[in-house]
């Protein structure tokens, strides 16, 4: 009898434990689903100033486009592994065979002068004359930092040399700094994070003993307070990009982007600078998680110098843009390189929100 009673007691305890475990799992699942379904926060309104941009690969092309098209609003740019403004002319073959080697080595046609800089200068002038971009006279005050890796097989140095030639047409030579002395592959160079410097692969951030982010920020803004270390003390905010571009997924942009707010800019960003860092192909958060927004090297410098960091995010489009590149070759919009371009206008609206302290500034028109 005692054995039967004990058996029933054990069965009751097992049933209770199973019920509790089931409830716990359901609670955890519900919490996880609720968190996944939680809407991204709106981009906060701030009062930052001194806008600058930088980027790697397709992000470098996007940074060039943005700085040229909105030259009246931008103070400088840092470009890693990219080419001249509107290099592709909206043509995929040009983009993958002359402006880069993404078509593959057998079909790569990159060569010195191969992007035809004089033609691109004429195209730039035509856009400016028609008001499609800001007057090119604004570029004379920009400060530009360029980096090309000696081992870069994706955007070879000949393309970057053409970018330097393009900028020399508009900027005094003392405003251009060009580093091409590091045996780096196609990646963001850092002091200590990422792949071996001459290795090609995700997350396309490499340990090259070169502080790329720090060097470009110091070149653009002048003398800065040294960073305290490799860690960051500020706050990463994931924000809703759909506020700035309707149905972003249909146009090669992710649903959310990232904002890094250093401790000194928490209140409203007054007196802080604003820097936009465009990731490269295959570097969006969906593919490399938070590697770009946490480890590209910008945030420790942002902490030390009160620089708000905007990290907009691209997204893949089946067939047209499978690698989540920025639109620098007309995969979504023939106006990709001018002020009316969809992605260009979306990011510009983000910067307006961060520079006006107006909650409604920068939203969709």
Protein backbone atom coordinates (compact mmCIF):
# COMPACT_ATOMS: atom_id res chain seq x y z
CA UNK A 1 0.00 0.00 0.00
CA UNK A 2 2.83 2.34 0.91
CA UNK A 3 4.51 1.56 -2.41
CA UNK A 4 1.33 2.47 -4.31
CA UNK A 5 1.02 5.70 -2.32
CA UNK A 6 4.66 6.59 -2.95
CA UNK A 7 4.27 5.83 -6.64
CA UNK A 8 1.22 8.08 -6.85
CA UNK A 9 3.13 10.80 -4.99
CA UNK A 10 6.02 10.57 -7.42
CA UNK A 11 3.63 10.69 -10.38
CA UNK A 12 1.98 13.78 -8.95
CA UNK A 13 5.36 15.47 -8.47
CA UNK A 14 6.41 14.55 -12.01
CA UNK A 15 3.15 15.92 -13.38
CA UNK A 16 3.61 19.14 -11.41
CA UNK A 17 7.21 19.48 -12.61
CA UNK A 18 6.14 18.92 -16.21
CA UNK A 19 3.42 21.54 -15.85
CA UNK A 20 5.85 24.06 -14.34
CA UNK A 21 8.44 23.36 -17.04
CA UNK A 22 5.82 23.71 -19.76
CA UNK A 23 4.65 27.01 -18.27
CA UNK A 24 8.22 28.27 -18.03
CA UNK A 25 8.96 27.36 -21.65
CA UNK A 26 5.74 28.99 -22.81
CA UNK A 27 6.61 32.13 -20.83
CA UNK A 28 10.09 32.27 -22.32
CA UNK A 29 8.72 31.70 -25.82
CA UNK A 30 6.08 34.37 -25.35
CA UNK A 31 8.69 36.83 -24.06
CA UNK A 32 10.96 36.02 -26.98
CA UNK A 33 8.16 36.48 -29.50
CA UNK A 34 7.09 39.70 -27.84
CA UNK A 35 10.65 40.99 -27.97
CA UNK A 36 11.00 39.99 -31.62
CA UNK A 37 7.71 41.66 -32.46
CA UNK A 38 8.49 44.84 -30.53
CA UNK A 39 8.62 47.79 -32.93
CA UNK A 40 11.93 49.62 -33.36
CA UNK A 41 12.11 53.00 -31.69
CA UNK A 42 11.93 56.24 -33.69
CA UNK A 43 15.23 57.93 -34.46
CA UNK A 44 15.63 60.58 -31.73
CA UNK A 45 15.68 64.27 -32.56
CA UNK A 46 19.05 65.85 -31.72
CA UNK A 47 21.09 69.02 -32.27
CA UNK A 48 24.32 67.66 -33.72
CA UNK A 49 26.47 69.45 -36.30
CA UNK A 50 29.54 69.09 -38.54
CA UNK A 51 28.25 66.19 -40.62
CA UNK A 52 30.79 63.84 -42.19
CA UNK A 53 30.60 60.42 -43.83
CA UNK A 54 32.69 57.32 -44.45
CA UNK A 55 32.29 53.83 -45.83
CA UNK A 56 33.82 50.61 -47.08
CA UNK A 57 33.28 49.08 -50.52
CA UNK A 58 29.67 49.76 -51.59
CA UNK A 59 29.51 51.90 -48.45
CA UNK A 60 32.53 53.79 -49.74
CA UNK A 61 30.75 54.42 -53.04
CA UNK A 62 27.67 55.51 -51.08
CA UNK A 63 29.78 57.87 -48.96
CA UNK A 64 31.28 59.44 -52.10
CA UNK A 65 27.81 59.84 -53.63
CA UNK A 66 26.43 61.37 -50.45
CA UNK A 67 29.34 63.77 -49.94
CA UNK A 68 29.25 64.99 -53.55
CA UNK A 69 25.47 65.24 -53.89
CA UNK A 70 25.01 66.96 -50.52
CA UNK A 71 28.34 68.78 -50.51
CA UNK A 72 26.82 71.89 -48.92
CA UNK A 73 25.92 69.86 -45.81
CA UNK A 74 29.05 67.68 -45.49
CA UNK A 75 32.48 68.63 -44.13
CA UNK A 76 34.49 65.60 -45.22
CA UNK A 77 34.64 61.92 -46.09
CA UNK A 78 36.65 58.79 -45.36
CA UNK A 79 36.66 56.25 -48.19
CA UNK A 80 37.96 52.69 -47.98
CA UNK A 81 38.08 50.57 -51.15
CA UNK A 82 35.78 52.47 -53.52
CA UNK A 83 35.96 54.61 -56.64
CA UNK A 84 34.87 57.93 -58.14
CA UNK A 85 31.41 59.45 -58.04
CA UNK A 86 28.86 57.66 -60.27
CA UNK A 87 31.58 55.26 -61.42
CA UNK A 88 29.07 52.66 -62.59
CA UNK A 89 26.96 55.12 -64.63
CA UNK A 90 24.09 52.88 -63.51
CA UNK A 91 25.51 49.92 -65.44
CA UNK A 92 26.06 46.58 -63.69
CA UNK A 93 28.83 45.47 -66.03
CA UNK A 94 30.72 48.71 -65.46
CA UNK A 95 30.24 48.34 -61.70
CA UNK A 96 31.52 44.76 -61.56
CA UNK A 97 34.25 44.88 -64.23
CA UNK A 98 35.70 48.42 -64.26
CA UNK A 99 34.81 49.91 -60.86
CA UNK A 100 35.54 46.65 -59.02
CA UNK A 101 36.41 43.02 -59.70
CA UNK A 102 33.24 41.56 -58.22
CA UNK A 103 32.50 39.84 -61.55
CA UNK A 104 35.49 37.56 -60.91
CA UNK A 105 39.13 37.66 -61.93
CA UNK A 106 38.71 36.30 -65.50
CA UNK A 107 36.31 39.13 -66.36
CA UNK A 108 37.91 41.91 -64.35
CA UNK A 109 38.81 44.87 -66.53
CA UNK A 110 40.16 47.18 -63.83
CA UNK A 111 43.09 49.19 -65.18
CA UNK A 112 44.80 52.53 -64.50
CA UNK A 113 42.41 55.25 -65.64
CA UNK A 114 39.79 52.62 -66.43
CA UNK A 115 36.92 54.47 -64.76
CA UNK A 116 37.41 57.46 -67.14
CA UNK A 117 37.66 60.25 -64.58
CA UNK A 118 37.30 63.12 -67.13
CA UNK A 119 33.94 61.70 -68.19
CA UNK A 120 32.83 61.41 -64.55
CA UNK A 121 33.86 65.02 -63.91
CA UNK A 122 31.73 66.11 -66.87
CA UNK A 123 28.80 64.07 -65.54
CA UNK A 124 29.22 65.63 -62.10
CA UNK A 125 29.20 69.11 -63.64
CA UNK A 126 26.06 68.29 -65.60
CA UNK A 127 24.24 67.14 -62.46
CA UNK A 128 25.33 70.28 -60.59
CA UNK A 129 24.24 72.58 -63.44
CA UNK A 130 20.77 71.03 -63.34
CA UNK A 131 20.52 71.26 -59.54
CA UNK A 132 20.45 67.50 -59.11
CA UNK A 133 23.42 67.77 -56.73
CA UNK A 134 24.79 70.69 -54.73
CA UNK A 135 27.29 73.07 -56.42
CA UNK A 136 30.68 71.39 -56.74
CA UNK A 137 32.37 74.53 -55.37
CA UNK A 138 31.45 73.24 -51.90
CA UNK A 139 33.89 70.36 -52.32
CA UNK A 140 36.90 72.68 -52.07
CA UNK A 141 36.49 72.90 -48.29
CA UNK A 142 36.02 69.13 -47.75
CA UNK A 143 38.73 67.03 -46.14
CA UNK A 144 39.03 63.53 -47.59
CA UNK A 145 40.85 60.44 -46.26
CA UNK A 146 41.40 57.53 -48.65
CA UNK A 147 42.59 53.97 -47.96
CA UNK A 148 43.47 51.24 -50.45
CA UNK A 149 44.90 47.89 -49.39
CA UNK A 150 47.88 46.54 -51.31
CA UNK A 151 46.22 43.10 -51.32
CA UNK A 152 42.68 44.24 -52.18
CA UNK A 153 41.37 41.89 -54.88
CA UNK A 154 37.81 43.28 -54.92
CA UNK A 155 38.46 46.99 -55.49
CA UNK A 156 42.08 47.11 -56.70
CA UNK A 157 44.22 50.16 -56.10
CA UNK A 158 43.81 51.41 -59.68
CA UNK A 159 40.18 52.24 -58.85
CA UNK A 160 41.16 54.12 -55.70
CA UNK A 161 43.83 55.99 -57.66
CA UNK A 162 41.06 57.18 -59.97
CA UNK A 163 39.08 58.34 -56.94
CA UNK A 164 42.10 60.37 -55.82
CA UNK A 165 42.33 61.89 -59.32
CA UNK A 166 38.62 62.73 -59.21
CA UNK A 167 38.96 64.50 -55.86
CA UNK A 168 42.07 66.38 -57.01
CA UNK A 169 39.90 68.11 -59.60
CA UNK A 170 37.83 69.72 -56.82
CA UNK A 171 39.95 69.79 -53.65
CA UNK A 172 43.32 71.37 -52.89
CA UNK A 173 45.93 68.59 -52.58
CA UNK A 174 46.56 69.40 -48.92
CA UNK A 175 42.95 68.40 -48.14
CA UNK A 176 43.47 64.82 -49.36
CA UNK A 177 45.22 62.09 -47.36
CA UNK A 178 45.76 58.80 -49.22
CA UNK A 179 47.07 55.69 -47.44
CA UNK A 180 48.15 52.83 -49.70
CA UNK A 181 51.02 51.35 -47.71
CA UNK A 182 49.29 48.46 -45.91
CA UNK A 183 49.02 44.89 -47.21
CA UNK A 184 45.30 44.78 -46.52
CA UNK A 185 42.61 42.80 -48.33
CA UNK A 186 39.12 44.17 -48.93
CA UNK A 187 38.16 45.16 -45.37
CA UNK A 188 37.90 47.89 -42.76
CA UNK A 189 41.37 48.19 -41.18
CA UNK A 190 41.50 48.16 -37.38
CA UNK A 191 44.19 48.02 -34.71
CA UNK A 192 43.23 44.67 -33.21
CA UNK A 193 39.83 43.31 -34.29
CA UNK A 194 38.91 40.95 -37.10
CA UNK A 195 40.61 38.74 -39.65
CA UNK A 196 44.27 38.57 -40.58
CA UNK A 197 45.01 41.73 -42.56
CA UNK A 198 45.52 39.98 -45.91
CA UNK A 199 42.53 37.65 -45.50
CA UNK A 200 39.30 38.10 -47.49
CA UNK A 201 36.08 37.15 -45.73
CA UNK A 202 33.34 38.04 -43.27
CA UNK A 203 32.96 40.27 -41.35
CA UNK A 204 35.25 42.26 -43.71
CA UNK A 205 36.96 43.91 -40.75
CA UNK A 206 40.65 43.11 -40.35
CA UNK A 207 43.38 43.44 -37.75
CA UNK A 208 45.94 45.47 -39.70
CA UNK A 209 47.52 47.43 -36.82
CA UNK A 210 45.87 50.45 -38.47
CA UNK A 211 43.18 52.50 -36.74
CA UNK A 212 41.23 53.32 -39.90
CA UNK A 213 38.26 54.88 -38.13
CA UNK A 214 40.48 56.97 -35.88
CA UNK A 215 42.69 58.16 -38.74
CA UNK A 216 39.80 59.21 -40.95
CA UNK A 217 37.96 61.02 -38.14
CA UNK A 218 41.13 62.89 -37.15
CA UNK A 219 41.81 63.85 -40.77
CA UNK A 220 38.26 65.14 -41.28
CA UNK A 221 37.86 66.99 -37.98
CA UNK A 222 41.44 67.87 -37.08
CA UNK A 223 43.07 67.17 -33.73
CA UNK A 224 40.88 64.93 -31.55
CA UNK A 225 41.12 63.68 -27.99
CA UNK A 226 42.74 60.21 -28.05
CA UNK A 227 40.35 57.33 -27.41
CA UNK A 228 40.52 55.77 -23.96
CA UNK A 229 40.80 52.20 -25.25
CA UNK A 230 39.01 49.75 -27.50
CA UNK A 231 35.81 49.61 -25.43
CA UNK A 232 32.82 51.90 -25.80
CA UNK A 233 30.74 53.43 -23.01
CA UNK A 234 27.87 54.82 -25.06
CA UNK A 235 24.49 53.45 -26.09
CA UNK A 236 23.49 51.64 -29.29
CA UNK A 237 19.93 52.34 -30.41
CA UNK A 238 18.15 50.28 -33.06
CA UNK A 239 15.77 52.60 -34.88
CA UNK A 240 13.02 52.35 -37.48
CA UNK A 241 14.25 53.11 -41.01
CA UNK A 242 10.75 52.84 -42.50
CA UNK A 243 10.07 56.31 -41.14
CA UNK A 244 12.49 57.65 -43.76
CA UNK A 245 11.75 55.32 -46.68
CA UNK A 246 8.41 53.59 -47.23
CA UNK A 247 8.75 49.81 -47.56
CA UNK A 248 12.55 49.83 -47.16
CA UNK A 249 12.85 46.09 -47.87
CA UNK A 250 11.58 46.71 -51.41
CA UNK A 251 14.37 49.22 -52.02
CA UNK A 252 17.44 47.51 -50.58
CA UNK A 253 17.29 48.94 -47.07
CA UNK A 254 16.72 47.07 -43.81
CA UNK A 255 13.76 47.68 -41.53
CA UNK A 256 16.08 49.06 -38.85
CA UNK A 257 19.34 50.97 -38.58
CA UNK A 258 21.67 51.75 -35.68
CA UNK A 259 22.57 54.92 -33.82
CA UNK A 260 25.48 55.15 -31.37
CA UNK A 261 25.10 57.87 -28.75
CA UNK A 262 28.24 58.58 -26.68
CA UNK A 263 27.80 59.55 -23.02
CA UNK A 264 28.53 63.23 -23.74
CA UNK A 265 25.67 63.49 -26.25
CA UNK A 266 22.88 61.80 -24.29
CA UNK A 267 20.76 64.88 -23.60
CA UNK A 268 20.11 66.32 -27.08
CA UNK A 269 23.45 66.17 -28.87
CA UNK A 270 23.99 69.93 -28.72
CA UNK A 271 27.64 70.66 -29.50
CA UNK A 272 28.21 67.11 -30.76
CA UNK A 273 29.32 66.16 -34.25
CA UNK A 274 27.56 63.65 -36.52
CA UNK A 275 29.29 60.96 -38.58
CA UNK A 276 27.56 58.50 -40.92
CA UNK A 277 29.38 55.17 -41.45
CA UNK A 278 28.13 53.10 -44.40
CA UNK A 279 28.88 49.37 -44.16
CA UNK A 280 30.03 47.40 -47.18
CA UNK A 281 28.45 44.53 -49.09
CA UNK A 282 27.75 41.45 -46.93
CA UNK A 283 28.22 43.59 -43.80
CA UNK A 284 24.63 44.38 -42.88
CA UNK A 285 23.53 43.34 -39.38
CA UNK A 286 21.45 40.47 -40.78
CA UNK A 287 24.69 38.89 -42.05
CA UNK A 288 27.40 39.88 -39.54
CA UNK A 289 25.18 40.74 -36.55
CA UNK A 290 26.61 43.82 -34.80
CA UNK A 291 30.22 43.45 -35.99
CA UNK A 292 30.17 46.65 -38.05
CA UNK A 293 28.37 48.85 -35.54
CA UNK A 294 30.46 47.64 -32.58
CA UNK A 295 33.87 46.74 -33.99
CA UNK A 296 34.63 48.91 -37.04
CA UNK A 297 36.53 51.18 -34.64
CA UNK A 298 34.44 54.37 -34.56
CA UNK A 299 32.71 54.19 -31.18
CA UNK A 300 35.70 54.67 -28.81
CA UNK A 301 36.62 57.82 -30.77
CA UNK A 302 33.00 58.92 -30.63
CA UNK A 303 33.07 58.61 -26.83
CA UNK A 304 36.21 60.71 -26.47
CA UNK A 305 35.11 63.44 -28.87
CA UNK A 306 31.31 63.65 -28.61
CA UNK A 307 30.57 62.29 -32.07
CA UNK A 308 27.15 60.74 -32.66
CA UNK A 309 27.48 57.76 -35.02
CA UNK A 310 24.76 56.89 -37.53
CA UNK A 311 24.95 53.37 -38.99
CA UNK A 312 22.21 53.04 -41.65
CA UNK A 313 21.59 49.51 -42.86
CA UNK A 314 21.15 48.09 -46.35
CA UNK A 315 19.40 44.78 -47.06
CA UNK A 316 19.52 42.12 -49.79
CA UNK A 317 17.17 42.11 -52.76
CA UNK A 318 16.76 38.77 -54.51
CA UNK A 319 18.59 38.67 -57.86
CA UNK A 320 19.15 42.47 -57.99
CA UNK A 321 21.20 42.89 -54.80
CA UNK A 322 21.82 39.55 -53.06
CA UNK A 323 24.82 40.85 -51.06
CA UNK A 324 23.05 43.74 -49.30
CA UNK A 325 25.15 46.42 -51.01
CA UNK A 326 24.24 50.08 -51.13
CA UNK A 327 22.79 51.26 -54.42
CA UNK A 328 25.73 52.63 -56.38
CA UNK A 329 24.90 50.81 -59.62
CA UNK A 330 21.15 51.34 -60.18
CA UNK A 331 19.83 48.07 -58.76
CA UNK A 332 16.82 49.96 -57.38
CA UNK A 333 16.82 53.54 -58.58
CA UNK A 334 18.20 55.28 -61.70
CA UNK A 335 18.65 58.40 -59.51
CA UNK A 336 20.92 56.47 -57.11
CA UNK A 337 23.72 59.09 -57.18
CA UNK A 338 21.75 62.35 -56.93
CA UNK A 339 19.82 64.13 -54.20
CA UNK A 340 16.49 62.66 -55.27
CA UNK A 341 17.76 59.07 -55.02
CA UNK A 342 15.66 56.92 -52.68
CA UNK A 343 18.46 55.63 -50.46
CA UNK A 344 20.30 58.95 -50.59
CA UNK A 345 17.23 60.90 -49.57
CA UNK A 346 16.39 58.43 -46.78
CA UNK A 347 19.82 58.81 -45.15
CA UNK A 348 19.73 62.59 -45.61
CA UNK A 349 16.41 62.67 -43.77
CA UNK A 350 17.98 60.70 -40.93
CA UNK A 351 20.76 63.28 -40.64
CA UNK A 352 18.21 66.10 -40.65
CA UNK A 353 16.41 64.48 -37.71
CA UNK A 354 19.70 64.27 -35.84
CA UNK A 355 20.69 67.87 -36.59
CA UNK A 356 17.48 69.83 -35.93
CA UNK A 357 16.04 68.54 -32.62
CA UNK A 358 12.69 68.40 -34.42
CA UNK A 359 10.84 65.10 -34.04
CA UNK A 360 9.11 65.65 -37.38
CA UNK A 361 12.21 66.71 -39.32
CA UNK A 362 13.50 64.27 -41.88
CA UNK A 363 10.37 62.14 -42.12
CA UNK A 364 8.92 61.04 -45.44
CA UNK A 365 7.59 63.81 -47.65
